[in-house]
C-alpha cells in the first residue's frame, strides 16, 4: 500500500509499505478515507520531538471504514465508519479507569516514533488501530469526513484548552497562536459566550481566519501585544489566555497578557526542558496556570462531537488544501512554509 513515511530529518517521501494486519488481541484495521497533516508531524520530521526512524509511516488524524477486527473488539464491525484518536490509552490502568486517558503511563500514539509505542501512522491507505474499542469512535452519518476528522485531535484539543480556562460569559479571552489548534480553541471558546476573543499571531492568513470565527485579530509583529490588550481592557488584561504555541516566548506573553487573578490554559506542545518562571510576579498577581499536557481526546470527544453535530462548531472551515495522498510531500512543503493552514489527504 502507499504511505507517507519519514525519510530523514527534514525529509519525507511516499513509499510502498506492507498493508497492516491484526497484531494484538484488540486490534482493528481501518481503510483510511481521509487523513491530515498536523503541526506535530512537522515537529517529528524536523527532530523537535525525537524517536522517528526512516521508513516509519507518519500521521495521526484519520477517519475511515473498519476493514477487519480481532475477536476481542466488541464495539465495531467491518463496514463501520469511524474516526480515530491520535492517542492510544491502555484502558485498564488507574488513570484510564477514571477517564483520565491522556495521563495513561502506557499510552501510545500513531506515527510518533519509538518513544510513543512505534505504532505506524495513518497517512496511508490503511492503518492498524490497537485497543480499537477505546481508540475509535463511531461517526454520525450526518457528518462528512472533513467535519468529523478533527475530533480525533485538534478540535478536541482546542476544546479541552478552552474548557480548562474556565471561561465565563462576558469575559475577555486571548488566544496566542492561530495555527490549527489555536483556531479550534477560538471556536471552542466561543461556545462559552465570552464578550471578546483576541486572536494573536503574525501570519495574516491565520489572523484572517480567526476573524471569520468572531475573534479580533492582533498582529504580534505590528503591536506590543500585552500593552495592546491592556489598553483595550482598561489596563486590566485578559480574563483568560489560551496558549496554543508551545514556545517559551508565547508562555511569557501569556503571563504578561492575563489580568491579576486570571487563568492561563496551556495546550501548546512545550519541548524546552527549562523555563525561567517569573515566580514572584505570578505569586503576587495570583495567576492560575494550567498545563494541559496531551489532550484527553478519548474522555472529551463525545462533548466535542456534540458541538459539531449541533452546528455550534465548524472545524472543517480551517481546511486550506485538499490533496491526494500521492501529493502529500507537497503538502508537507506547503505546511512547512506556512502557505497552508490545514492540509487534508485522501488515499
C-alpha atoms as a PDB file:
ATOM      1  CA  UNK A   1       0.000   0.000   0.000  1.00  0.00           C
ATOM      2  CA  UNK A   2       1.035   3.628  -0.338  1.00  0.00           C
ATOM      3  CA  UNK A   3       2.100   5.584   2.732  1.00  0.00           C
ATOM      4  CA  UNK A   4       3.843   8.831   3.579  1.00  0.00           C
ATOM      5  CA  UNK A   5       6.979   7.916   5.543  1.00  0.00           C
ATOM      6  CA  UNK A   6       9.774   9.620   7.441  1.00  0.00           C
ATOM      7  CA  UNK A   7      12.911   9.594   5.295  1.00  0.00           C
ATOM      8  CA  UNK A   8      15.347  11.676   7.321  1.00  0.00           C
ATOM      9  CA  UNK A   9      15.297  14.843   9.389  1.00  0.00           C
ATOM     10  CA  UNK A  10      13.578  17.443   7.251  1.00  0.00           C
ATOM     11  CA  UNK A  11      12.527  14.927   4.613  1.00  0.00           C
ATOM     12  CA  UNK A  12       9.514  12.709   3.888  1.00  0.00           C
ATOM     13  CA  UNK A  13       8.590  10.529   0.933  1.00  0.00           C
ATOM     14  CA  UNK A  14       5.750   8.464  -0.495  1.00  0.00           C
ATOM     15  CA  UNK A  15       6.583   4.761  -0.367  1.00  0.00           C
ATOM     16  CA  UNK A  16       5.132   1.307  -0.846  1.00  0.00           C
ATOM     17  CA  UNK A  17       4.873  -0.433   2.536  1.00  0.00           C
ATOM     18  CA  UNK A  18       3.182  -3.644   3.703  1.00  0.00           C
ATOM     19  CA  UNK A  19      -0.540  -3.402   4.389  1.00  0.00           C
ATOM     20  CA  UNK A  20      -1.140  -3.641   8.166  1.00  0.00           C
ATOM     21  CA  UNK A  21      -2.546  -6.803   9.712  1.00  0.00           C
ATOM     22  CA  UNK A  22      -4.002  -7.737  13.083  1.00  0.00           C
ATOM     23  CA  UNK A  23      -1.115  -7.998  15.558  1.00  0.00           C
ATOM     24  CA  UNK A  24      -2.706  -7.663  19.005  1.00  0.00           C
ATOM     25  CA  UNK A  25      -5.902  -9.101  20.525  1.00  0.00           C
ATOM     26  CA  UNK A  26      -7.814  -5.769  20.462  1.00  0.00           C
ATOM     27  CA  UNK A  27      -6.690  -4.563  17.028  1.00  0.00           C
ATOM     28  CA  UNK A  28      -8.711  -3.324  14.086  1.00  0.00           C
ATOM     29  CA  UNK A  29      -7.533  -2.491  10.573  1.00  0.00           C
ATOM     30  CA  UNK A  30      -9.080   0.644   9.068  1.00  0.00           C
ATOM     31  CA  UNK A  31      -9.281   1.624   5.404  1.00  0.00           C
ATOM     32  CA  UNK A  32      -8.442   5.307   5.574  1.00  0.00           C
ATOM     33  CA  UNK A  33     -10.789   7.595   3.665  1.00  0.00           C
ATOM     34  CA  UNK A  34      -9.421  10.941   4.892  1.00  0.00           C
ATOM     35  CA  UNK A  35      -6.300  11.883   6.831  1.00  0.00           C
ATOM     36  CA  UNK A  36      -4.467  15.136   7.527  1.00  0.00           C
ATOM     37  CA  UNK A  37      -1.110  16.761   8.138  1.00  0.00           C
ATOM     38  CA  UNK A  38      -0.685  18.151  11.638  1.00  0.00           C
ATOM     39  CA  UNK A  39       1.822  20.638  13.037  1.00  0.00           C
ATOM     40  CA  UNK A  40       3.162  17.954  15.372  1.00  0.00           C
ATOM     41  CA  UNK A  41       4.042  15.871  12.296  1.00  0.00           C
ATOM     42  CA  UNK A  42       6.453  18.663  11.399  1.00  0.00           C
ATOM     43  CA  UNK A  43       7.906  18.537  14.926  1.00  0.00           C
ATOM     44  CA  UNK A  44       8.723  14.877  14.309  1.00  0.00           C
ATOM     45  CA  UNK A  45      10.130  15.393  10.830  1.00  0.00           C
ATOM     46  CA  UNK A  46      12.310  18.290  11.958  1.00  0.00           C
ATOM     47  CA  UNK A  47      13.628  16.461  15.032  1.00  0.00           C
ATOM     48  CA  UNK A  48      11.984  18.682  17.637  1.00  0.00           C
ATOM     49  CA  UNK A  49      10.376  15.520  19.001  1.00  0.00           C
ATOM     50  CA  UNK A  50      12.810  12.557  18.838  1.00  0.00           C
ATOM     51  CA  UNK A  51      12.164   8.902  18.118  1.00  0.00           C
ATOM     52  CA  UNK A  52      11.410   8.622  14.397  1.00  0.00           C
ATOM     53  CA  UNK A  53      13.198   6.035  12.276  1.00  0.00           C
ATOM     54  CA  UNK A  54      13.492   6.034   8.469  1.00  0.00           C
ATOM     55  CA  UNK A  55      10.583   4.244   6.813  1.00  0.00           C
ATOM     56  CA  UNK A  56       8.087   4.882   9.613  1.00  0.00           C
ATOM     57  CA  UNK A  57       4.625   5.967   8.463  1.00  0.00           C
ATOM     58  CA  UNK A  58       3.560   9.399   9.685  1.00  0.00           C
ATOM     59  CA  UNK A  59       0.156  10.809  10.583  1.00  0.00           C
ATOM     60  CA  UNK A  60      -2.331  10.525  13.431  1.00  0.00           C
ATOM     61  CA  UNK A  61      -5.509  12.274  12.220  1.00  0.00           C
ATOM     62  CA  UNK A  62      -7.743   9.886  10.312  1.00  0.00           C
ATOM     63  CA  UNK A  63     -11.242   8.742   9.550  1.00  0.00           C
ATOM     64  CA  UNK A  64     -12.214   5.641   7.628  1.00  0.00           C
ATOM     65  CA  UNK A  65     -14.063   2.347   7.457  1.00  0.00           C
ATOM     66  CA  UNK A  66     -13.401  -0.762   9.540  1.00  0.00           C
ATOM     67  CA  UNK A  67     -11.843  -3.406   7.320  1.00  0.00           C
ATOM     68  CA  UNK A  68     -11.118  -6.131   9.882  1.00  0.00           C
ATOM     69  CA  UNK A  69     -11.264  -6.649  13.645  1.00  0.00           C
ATOM     70  CA  UNK A  70      -9.842  -9.141  16.082  1.00  0.00           C
ATOM     71  CA  UNK A  71     -12.215 -11.334  18.077  1.00  0.00           C
ATOM     72  CA  UNK A  72     -11.776  -9.161  21.187  1.00  0.00           C
ATOM     73  CA  UNK A  73     -13.130  -5.997  19.541  1.00  0.00           C
ATOM     74  CA  UNK A  74     -16.783  -5.685  20.571  1.00  0.00           C
ATOM     75  CA  UNK A  75     -17.897  -2.146  19.668  1.00  0.00           C
ATOM     76  CA  UNK A  76     -17.089  -2.160  15.957  1.00  0.00           C
ATOM     77  CA  UNK A  77     -17.548  -4.430  12.967  1.00  0.00           C
ATOM     78  CA  UNK A  78     -16.319  -4.431   9.365  1.00  0.00           C
ATOM     79  CA  UNK A  79     -18.070  -1.690   7.408  1.00  0.00           C
ATOM     80  CA  UNK A  80     -18.473   0.711  10.349  1.00  0.00           C
ATOM     81  CA  UNK A  81     -17.399   4.305   9.728  1.00  0.00           C
ATOM     82  CA  UNK A  82     -15.061   5.542  12.463  1.00  0.00           C
ATOM     83  CA  UNK A  83     -12.741   8.354  13.485  1.00  0.00           C
ATOM     84  CA  UNK A  84      -9.554   7.651  15.412  1.00  0.00           C
ATOM     85  CA  UNK A  85      -7.977   9.280  18.436  1.00  0.00           C
ATOM     86  CA  UNK A  86      -4.347  10.249  17.989  1.00  0.00           C
ATOM     87  CA  UNK A  87      -3.558   8.660  21.368  1.00  0.00           C
ATOM     88  CA  UNK A  88      -3.983   5.003  22.249  1.00  0.00           C
ATOM     89  CA  UNK A  89      -4.601   4.590  26.001  1.00  0.00           C
ATOM     90  CA  UNK A  90      -4.267   1.176  27.622  1.00  0.00           C
ATOM     91  CA  UNK A  91      -7.831   1.346  29.000  1.00  0.00           C
ATOM     92  CA  UNK A  92      -7.057  -0.604  32.183  1.00  0.00           C
ATOM     93  CA  UNK A  93      -4.720   1.464  34.374  1.00  0.00           C
ATOM     94  CA  UNK A  94      -5.715   3.679  37.355  1.00  0.00           C
ATOM     95  CA  UNK A  95      -5.946   6.756  35.133  1.00  0.00           C
ATOM     96  CA  UNK A  96      -7.919   5.109  32.337  1.00  0.00           C
ATOM     97  CA  UNK A  97     -10.403   3.641  34.794  1.00  0.00           C
ATOM     98  CA  UNK A  98     -11.156   7.211  35.892  1.00  0.00           C
ATOM     99  CA  UNK A  99     -11.455   8.601  32.370  1.00  0.00           C
ATOM    100  CA  UNK A 100      -8.081  10.374  32.558  1.00  0.00           C
ATOM    101  CA  UNK A 101      -6.905   8.719  29.368  1.00  0.00           C
ATOM    102  CA  UNK A 102      -4.269  11.313  28.477  1.00  0.00           C
ATOM    103  CA  UNK A 103      -2.463  10.549  31.745  1.00  0.00           C
ATOM    104  CA  UNK A 104      -2.142   6.844  30.940  1.00  0.00           C
ATOM    105  CA  UNK A 105       1.511   5.891  31.519  1.00  0.00           C
ATOM    106  CA  UNK A 106       1.350   3.243  28.787  1.00  0.00           C
ATOM    107  CA  UNK A 107      -0.430   5.261  26.110  1.00  0.00           C
ATOM    108  CA  UNK A 108       0.855   5.135  22.570  1.00  0.00           C
ATOM    109  CA  UNK A 109       0.377   7.382  19.566  1.00  0.00           C
ATOM    110  CA  UNK A 110       0.068   6.884  15.829  1.00  0.00           C
ATOM    111  CA  UNK A 111       3.082   7.830  13.734  1.00  0.00           C
ATOM    112  CA  UNK A 112       5.000   9.291  16.665  1.00  0.00           C
ATOM    113  CA  UNK A 113       8.093   7.100  16.748  1.00  0.00           C
ATOM    114  CA  UNK A 114       9.743   4.800  19.250  1.00  0.00           C
ATOM    115  CA  UNK A 115       9.099   6.900  22.365  1.00  0.00           C
ATOM    116  CA  UNK A 116       5.313   6.613  21.968  1.00  0.00           C
ATOM    117  CA  UNK A 117       4.978   2.954  21.082  1.00  0.00           C
ATOM    118  CA  UNK A 118       6.258   2.892  17.494  1.00  0.00           C
ATOM    119  CA  UNK A 119       2.751   2.440  16.058  1.00  0.00           C
ATOM    120  CA  UNK A 120       2.639   3.114  12.322  1.00  0.00           C
ATOM    121  CA  UNK A 121       0.774   6.248  11.305  1.00  0.00           C
ATOM    122  CA  UNK A 122      -2.354   6.953   9.290  1.00  0.00           C
ATOM    123  CA  UNK A 123      -1.117   8.940   6.290  1.00  0.00           C
ATOM    124  CA  UNK A 124      -1.629   5.771   4.334  1.00  0.00           C
ATOM    125  CA  UNK A 125      -4.277   3.675   2.629  1.00  0.00           C
ATOM    126  CA  UNK A 126      -4.740   1.510   5.739  1.00  0.00           C
ATOM    127  CA  UNK A 127      -3.853   1.794   9.419  1.00  0.00           C
ATOM    128  CA  UNK A 128      -3.737  -0.718  12.273  1.00  0.00           C
ATOM    129  CA  UNK A 129      -5.570   0.534  15.375  1.00  0.00           C
ATOM    130  CA  UNK A 130      -4.603  -1.014  18.719  1.00  0.00           C
ATOM    131  CA  UNK A 131      -7.197  -1.129  21.504  1.00  0.00           C
ATOM    132  CA  UNK A 132      -9.827  -0.301  18.903  1.00  0.00           C
ATOM    133  CA  UNK A 133     -12.840  -0.223  21.241  1.00  0.00           C
ATOM    134  CA  UNK A 134     -11.332   2.795  23.024  1.00  0.00           C
ATOM    135  CA  UNK A 135      -9.259   4.355  20.227  1.00  0.00           C
ATOM    136  CA  UNK A 136     -12.103   4.576  17.686  1.00  0.00           C
ATOM    137  CA  UNK A 137     -15.393   6.481  17.768  1.00  0.00           C
ATOM    138  CA  UNK A 138     -18.384   5.929  15.515  1.00  0.00           C
ATOM    139  CA  UNK A 139     -19.304   8.793  13.180  1.00  0.00           C
ATOM    140  CA  UNK A 140     -22.816  10.166  12.796  1.00  0.00           C
ATOM    141  CA  UNK A 141     -23.970   9.619   9.191  1.00  0.00           C
ATOM    142  CA  UNK A 142     -24.962  13.289   9.006  1.00  0.00           C
ATOM    143  CA  UNK A 143     -21.314  14.363   9.285  1.00  0.00           C
ATOM    144  CA  UNK A 144     -18.855  14.412   6.411  1.00  0.00           C
ATOM    145  CA  UNK A 145     -15.326  13.089   6.807  1.00  0.00           C
ATOM    146  CA  UNK A 146     -13.997  16.628   6.998  1.00  0.00           C
ATOM    147  CA  UNK A 147     -16.483  17.669   9.671  1.00  0.00           C
ATOM    148  CA  UNK A 148     -15.649  14.739  11.954  1.00  0.00           C
ATOM    149  CA  UNK A 149     -11.946  14.273  11.199  1.00  0.00           C
ATOM    150  CA  UNK A 150     -10.504  16.755  13.680  1.00  0.00           C
ATOM    151  CA  UNK A 151     -12.382  15.455  16.699  1.00  0.00           C
ATOM    152  CA  UNK A 152      -9.616  12.853  16.991  1.00  0.00           C
ATOM    153  CA  UNK A 153      -7.022  15.537  17.633  1.00  0.00           C
ATOM    154  CA  UNK A 154      -7.025  19.290  17.075  1.00  0.00           C
ATOM    155  CA  UNK A 155     -10.662  20.188  17.675  1.00  0.00           C
ATOM    156  CA  UNK A 156     -10.955  18.221  20.903  1.00  0.00           C
ATOM    157  CA  UNK A 157      -7.538  19.570  21.900  1.00  0.00           C
ATOM    158  CA  UNK A 158      -8.742  23.156  21.401  1.00  0.00           C
ATOM    159  CA  UNK A 159     -11.984  22.350  23.208  1.00  0.00           C
ATOM    160  CA  UNK A 160     -10.135  20.986  26.236  1.00  0.00           C
ATOM    161  CA  UNK A 161      -7.861  24.041  26.308  1.00  0.00           C
ATOM    162  CA  UNK A 162     -10.858  26.376  26.344  1.00  0.00           C
ATOM    163  CA  UNK A 163     -12.637  24.318  28.981  1.00  0.00           C
ATOM    164  CA  UNK A 164      -9.595  24.255  31.245  1.00  0.00           C
ATOM    165  CA  UNK A 165      -9.526  28.077  31.168  1.00  0.00           C
ATOM    166  CA  UNK A 166     -12.958  28.096  32.863  1.00  0.00           C
ATOM    167  CA  UNK A 167     -14.221  30.862  30.567  1.00  0.00           C
ATOM    168  CA  UNK A 168     -17.361  32.598  31.803  1.00  0.00           C
ATOM    169  CA  UNK A 169     -19.927  34.548  29.816  1.00  0.00           C
ATOM    170  CA  UNK A 170     -18.919  38.150  29.238  1.00  0.00           C
ATOM    171  CA  UNK A 171     -15.198  37.643  29.845  1.00  0.00           C
ATOM    172  CA  UNK A 172     -12.239  38.704  27.693  1.00  0.00           C
ATOM    173  CA  UNK A 173     -10.203  35.859  26.203  1.00  0.00           C
ATOM    174  CA  UNK A 174      -6.885  35.980  24.370  1.00  0.00           C
ATOM    175  CA  UNK A 175      -5.725  33.096  22.191  1.00  0.00           C
ATOM    176  CA  UNK A 176      -1.997  33.082  21.497  1.00  0.00           C
ATOM    177  CA  UNK A 177      -1.184  31.245  18.280  1.00  0.00           C
ATOM    178  CA  UNK A 178      -3.729  30.855  15.485  1.00  0.00           C
ATOM    179  CA  UNK A 179      -2.466  27.686  13.922  1.00  0.00           C
ATOM    180  CA  UNK A 180      -4.946  24.827  13.601  1.00  0.00           C
ATOM    181  CA  UNK A 181      -5.153  24.164  17.358  1.00  0.00           C
ATOM    182  CA  UNK A 182      -5.466  27.867  18.149  1.00  0.00           C
ATOM    183  CA  UNK A 183      -8.261  28.274  15.621  1.00  0.00           C
ATOM    184  CA  UNK A 184     -10.043  25.288  17.131  1.00  0.00           C
ATOM    185  CA  UNK A 185      -9.595  26.857  20.580  1.00  0.00           C
ATOM    186  CA  UNK A 186     -11.238  30.040  19.285  1.00  0.00           C
ATOM    187  CA  UNK A 187     -14.227  28.077  18.002  1.00  0.00           C
ATOM    188  CA  UNK A 188     -14.485  26.207  21.292  1.00  0.00           C
ATOM    189  CA  UNK A 189     -14.061  29.376  23.378  1.00  0.00           C
ATOM    190  CA  UNK A 190     -16.987  30.995  21.552  1.00  0.00           C
ATOM    191  CA  UNK A 191     -19.337  28.352  22.928  1.00  0.00           C
ATOM    192  CA  UNK A 192     -18.677  29.715  26.458  1.00  0.00           C
ATOM    193  CA  UNK A 193     -20.028  33.124  25.326  1.00  0.00           C
ATOM    194  CA  UNK A 194     -17.141  35.458  26.203  1.00  0.00           C
ATOM    195  CA  UNK A 195     -17.549  39.153  25.407  1.00  0.00           C
ATOM    196  CA  UNK A 196     -14.357  39.379  23.341  1.00  0.00           C
ATOM    197  CA  UNK A 197     -11.763  36.989  21.944  1.00  0.00           C
ATOM    198  CA  UNK A 198      -8.402  38.406  20.853  1.00  0.00           C
ATOM    199  CA  UNK A 199      -6.516  36.233  18.354  1.00  0.00           C
ATOM    200  CA  UNK A 200      -2.738  36.729  18.447  1.00  0.00           C
ATOM    201  CA  UNK A 201      -0.417  35.672  15.620  1.00  0.00           C
ATOM    202  CA  UNK A 202       1.947  37.060  12.985  1.00  0.00           C
ATOM    203  CA  UNK A 203       0.619  35.174   9.942  1.00  0.00           C
ATOM    204  CA  UNK A 204      -2.019  37.178   8.079  1.00  0.00           C
ATOM    205  CA  UNK A 205      -3.843  34.114   6.724  1.00  0.00           C
ATOM    206  CA  UNK A 206      -4.315  32.784  10.246  1.00  0.00           C
ATOM    207  CA  UNK A 207      -5.480  36.140  11.582  1.00  0.00           C
ATOM    208  CA  UNK A 208      -7.999  36.459   8.759  1.00  0.00           C
ATOM    209  CA  UNK A 209      -9.390  33.013   9.554  1.00  0.00           C
ATOM    210  CA  UNK A 210      -9.588  33.872  13.259  1.00  0.00           C
ATOM    211  CA  UNK A 211     -11.574  36.972  12.367  1.00  0.00           C
ATOM    212  CA  UNK A 212     -14.089  34.873  10.442  1.00  0.00           C
ATOM    213  CA  UNK A 213     -14.607  32.931  13.685  1.00  0.00           C
ATOM    214  CA  UNK A 214     -15.528  36.138  15.508  1.00  0.00           C
ATOM    215  CA  UNK A 215     -12.174  36.952  17.098  1.00  0.00           C
ATOM    216  CA  UNK A 216     -10.407  40.313  16.983  1.00  0.00           C
ATOM    217  CA  UNK A 217      -7.067  39.815  15.198  1.00  0.00           C
ATOM    218  CA  UNK A 218      -3.915  41.136  16.858  1.00  0.00           C
ATOM    219  CA  UNK A 219      -0.770  41.118  14.709  1.00  0.00           C
ATOM    220  CA  UNK A 220       2.104  40.423  17.097  1.00  0.00           C
ATOM    221  CA  UNK A 221       4.546  41.732  14.508  1.00  0.00           C
ATOM    222  CA  UNK A 222       2.847  45.134  14.458  1.00  0.00           C
ATOM    223  CA  UNK A 223       1.981  45.823  18.113  1.00  0.00           C
ATOM    224  CA  UNK A 224       3.214  45.017  21.615  1.00  0.00           C
ATOM    225  CA  UNK A 225       0.508  42.509  22.407  1.00  0.00           C
ATOM    226  CA  UNK A 226       0.334  42.803  26.230  1.00  0.00           C
ATOM    227  CA  UNK A 227       0.093  46.599  26.023  1.00  0.00           C
ATOM    228  CA  UNK A 228      -2.454  46.398  23.208  1.00  0.00           C
ATOM    229  CA  UNK A 229      -4.782  44.123  25.177  1.00  0.00           C
ATOM    230  CA  UNK A 230      -4.285  46.048  28.419  1.00  0.00           C
ATOM    231  CA  UNK A 231      -5.195  49.272  26.614  1.00  0.00           C
ATOM    232  CA  UNK A 232      -8.354  47.610  25.316  1.00  0.00           C
ATOM    233  CA  UNK A 233      -9.356  46.388  28.781  1.00  0.00           C
ATOM    234  CA  UNK A 234      -8.789  49.496  30.879  1.00  0.00           C
ATOM    235  CA  UNK A 235      -5.313  48.325  31.889  1.00  0.00           C
ATOM    236  CA  UNK A 236      -6.645  45.070  33.336  1.00  0.00           C
ATOM    237  CA  UNK A 237      -5.655  42.419  30.807  1.00  0.00           C
ATOM    238  CA  UNK A 238      -7.487  39.325  29.593  1.00  0.00           C
ATOM    239  CA  UNK A 239      -9.507  37.196  31.993  1.00  0.00           C
ATOM    240  CA  UNK A 240      -8.286  34.017  30.321  1.00  0.00           C
ATOM    241  CA  UNK A 241      -5.388  33.300  27.968  1.00  0.00           C
ATOM    242  CA  UNK A 242      -5.158  30.160  25.830  1.00  0.00           C
ATOM    243  CA  UNK A 243      -1.540  29.451  24.910  1.00  0.00           C
ATOM    244  CA  UNK A 244      -1.572  27.352  21.743  1.00  0.00           C
ATOM    245  CA  UNK A 245       2.008  27.732  20.512  1.00  0.00           C
ATOM    246  CA  UNK A 246       4.284  25.712  22.777  1.00  0.00           C
ATOM    247  CA  UNK A 247       7.272  28.087  22.766  1.00  0.00           C
ATOM    248  CA  UNK A 248       8.733  29.991  25.710  1.00  0.00           C
ATOM    249  CA  UNK A 249       8.064  33.486  24.256  1.00  0.00           C
ATOM    250  CA  UNK A 250       4.370  32.602  23.895  1.00  0.00           C
ATOM    251  CA  UNK A 251       4.151  31.498  27.524  1.00  0.00           C
ATOM    252  CA  UNK A 252       5.959  34.648  28.623  1.00  0.00           C
ATOM    253  CA  UNK A 253       3.465  36.736  26.653  1.00  0.00           C
ATOM    254  CA  UNK A 254       0.577  34.841  28.256  1.00  0.00           C
ATOM    255  CA  UNK A 255       1.833  35.824  31.720  1.00  0.00           C
ATOM    256  CA  UNK A 256       2.061  39.453  30.618  1.00  0.00           C
ATOM    257  CA  UNK A 257      -1.359  39.464  28.925  1.00  0.00           C
ATOM    258  CA  UNK A 258      -3.513  37.873  31.624  1.00  0.00           C
ATOM    259  CA  UNK A 259      -5.083  40.026  34.336  1.00  0.00           C
ATOM    260  CA  UNK A 260      -4.327  39.651  38.032  1.00  0.00           C
ATOM    261  CA  UNK A 261      -6.216  36.601  39.257  1.00  0.00           C
ATOM    262  CA  UNK A 262      -6.698  35.404  35.694  1.00  0.00           C
ATOM    263  CA  UNK A 263      -6.247  31.978  34.146  1.00  0.00           C
ATOM    264  CA  UNK A 264      -3.727  30.691  31.605  1.00  0.00           C
ATOM    265  CA  UNK A 265      -4.502  27.418  29.852  1.00  0.00           C
ATOM    266  CA  UNK A 266      -1.500  25.920  28.062  1.00  0.00           C
ATOM    267  CA  UNK A 267      -2.059  23.392  25.288  1.00  0.00           C
ATOM    268  CA  UNK A 268       0.948  24.236  23.076  1.00  0.00           C
ATOM    269  CA  UNK A 269       3.474  21.385  22.944  1.00  0.00           C
ATOM    270  CA  UNK A 270       6.458  22.534  25.024  1.00  0.00           C
ATOM    271  CA  UNK A 271       9.709  20.634  24.477  1.00  0.00           C
ATOM    272  CA  UNK A 272      12.176  23.029  26.115  1.00  0.00           C
ATOM    273  CA  UNK A 273      13.475  21.370  29.301  1.00  0.00           C
ATOM    274  CA  UNK A 274      13.623  24.592  31.358  1.00  0.00           C
ATOM    275  CA  UNK A 275      11.824  27.901  31.711  1.00  0.00           C
ATOM    276  CA  UNK A 276      12.666  30.857  33.958  1.00  0.00           C
ATOM    277  CA  UNK A 277       9.253  31.373  35.526  1.00  0.00           C
ATOM    278  CA  UNK A 278       8.750  34.884  36.960  1.00  0.00           C
ATOM    279  CA  UNK A 279       7.713  33.282  40.209  1.00  0.00           C
ATOM    280  CA  UNK A 280       7.286  36.416  42.318  1.00  0.00           C
ATOM    281  CA  UNK A 281       5.161  38.085  39.622  1.00  0.00           C
ATOM    282  CA  UNK A 282       2.928  35.008  39.273  1.00  0.00           C
ATOM    283  CA  UNK A 283       2.529  34.800  43.048  1.00  0.00           C
ATOM    284  CA  UNK A 284       1.775  38.471  43.617  1.00  0.00           C
ATOM    285  CA  UNK A 285      -0.736  38.568  40.756  1.00  0.00           C
ATOM    286  CA  UNK A 286      -2.338  35.293  41.829  1.00  0.00           C
ATOM    287  CA  UNK A 287      -2.174  33.642  38.427  1.00  0.00           C
ATOM    288  CA  UNK A 288      -3.704  30.254  37.736  1.00  0.00           C
ATOM    289  CA  UNK A 289      -1.553  28.456  35.138  1.00  0.00           C
ATOM    290  CA  UNK A 290      -2.878  25.145  33.854  1.00  0.00           C
ATOM    291  CA  UNK A 291      -0.598  22.913  31.779  1.00  0.00           C
ATOM    292  CA  UNK A 292      -2.959  20.568  29.989  1.00  0.00           C
ATOM    293  CA  UNK A 293      -0.380  18.172  28.578  1.00  0.00           C
ATOM    294  CA  UNK A 294      -1.674  15.846  25.903  1.00  0.00           C
ATOM    295  CA  UNK A 295      -5.372  16.394  25.335  1.00  0.00           C
ATOM    296  CA  UNK A 296      -7.793  13.856  26.795  1.00  0.00           C
ATOM    297  CA  UNK A 297      -9.269  13.021  23.396  1.00  0.00           C
ATOM    298  CA  UNK A 298     -10.968   9.792  24.453  1.00  0.00           C
ATOM    299  CA  UNK A 299     -12.513  11.438  27.501  1.00  0.00           C
ATOM    300  CA  UNK A 300     -13.751  14.580  25.720  1.00  0.00           C
ATOM    301  CA  UNK A 301     -14.659  13.630  22.186  1.00  0.00           C
ATOM    302  CA  UNK A 302     -18.319  12.927  22.937  1.00  0.00           C
ATOM    303  CA  UNK A 303     -18.686  16.564  24.015  1.00  0.00           C
ATOM    304  CA  UNK A 304     -16.638  17.816  21.072  1.00  0.00           C
ATOM    305  CA  UNK A 305     -18.656  15.800  18.557  1.00  0.00           C
ATOM    306  CA  UNK A 306     -21.878  17.135  20.060  1.00  0.00           C
ATOM    307  CA  UNK A 307     -20.754  20.702  19.319  1.00  0.00           C
ATOM    308  CA  UNK A 308     -20.064  19.770  15.699  1.00  0.00           C
ATOM    309  CA  UNK A 309     -23.264  17.788  15.191  1.00  0.00           C
ATOM    310  CA  UNK A 310     -25.343  20.618  16.694  1.00  0.00           C
ATOM    311  CA  UNK A 311     -23.731  23.170  14.382  1.00  0.00           C
ATOM    312  CA  UNK A 312     -22.057  25.157  17.165  1.00  0.00           C
ATOM    313  CA  UNK A 313     -18.599  24.421  15.758  1.00  0.00           C
ATOM    314  CA  UNK A 314     -17.285  24.008  12.225  1.00  0.00           C
ATOM    315  CA  UNK A 315     -13.725  22.668  12.421  1.00  0.00           C
ATOM    316  CA  UNK A 316     -13.625  21.846   8.699  1.00  0.00           C
ATOM    317  CA  UNK A 317     -13.573  25.573   7.903  1.00  0.00           C
ATOM    318  CA  UNK A 318      -9.838  25.737   8.586  1.00  0.00           C
ATOM    319  CA  UNK A 319      -9.015  23.382   5.693  1.00  0.00           C
ATOM    320  CA  UNK A 320      -6.971  25.299   3.136  1.00  0.00           C
ATOM    321  CA  UNK A 321      -5.744  22.476   0.891  1.00  0.00           C
ATOM    322  CA  UNK A 322      -7.294  19.197  -0.233  1.00  0.00           C
ATOM    323  CA  UNK A 323      -4.819  16.837  -1.857  1.00  0.00           C
ATOM    324  CA  UNK A 324      -4.380  13.239  -2.839  1.00  0.00           C
ATOM    325  CA  UNK A 325      -2.063  11.104  -0.737  1.00  0.00           C
ATOM    326  CA  UNK A 326       0.194  10.948  -3.795  1.00  0.00           C
ATOM    327  CA  UNK A 327       0.832  14.688  -3.318  1.00  0.00           C
ATOM    328  CA  UNK A 328       1.492  14.510   0.418  1.00  0.00           C
ATOM    329  CA  UNK A 329       5.142  15.532   0.091  1.00  0.00           C
ATOM    330  CA  UNK A 330       3.997  18.793  -1.473  1.00  0.00           C
ATOM    331  CA  UNK A 331       1.522  19.185   1.376  1.00  0.00           C
ATOM    332  CA  UNK A 332       4.354  18.976   3.911  1.00  0.00           C
ATOM    333  CA  UNK A 333       6.314  21.582   1.960  1.00  0.00           C
ATOM    334  CA  UNK A 334       3.345  23.957   1.945  1.00  0.00           C
ATOM    335  CA  UNK A 335       2.793  23.436   5.654  1.00  0.00           C
ATOM    336  CA  UNK A 336       6.478  23.991   6.434  1.00  0.00           C
ATOM    337  CA  UNK A 337       6.449  27.296   4.546  1.00  0.00           C
ATOM    338  CA  UNK A 338       3.200  28.298   6.320  1.00  0.00           C
ATOM    339  CA  UNK A 339       1.487  28.564   2.949  1.00  0.00           C
ATOM    340  CA  UNK A 340      -1.126  26.038   4.070  1.00  0.00           C
ATOM    341  CA  UNK A 341      -3.320  26.346   7.133  1.00  0.00           C
ATOM    342  CA  UNK A 342      -4.538  22.744   7.150  1.00  0.00           C
ATOM    343  CA  UNK A 343      -3.958  20.028   4.564  1.00  0.00           C
ATOM    344  CA  UNK A 344      -6.255  17.021   4.261  1.00  0.00           C
ATOM    345  CA  UNK A 345      -5.307  13.982   2.205  1.00  0.00           C
ATOM    346  CA  UNK A 346      -7.408  11.302   0.538  1.00  0.00           C
ATOM    347  CA  UNK A 347      -5.766   7.994  -0.446  1.00  0.00           C
END
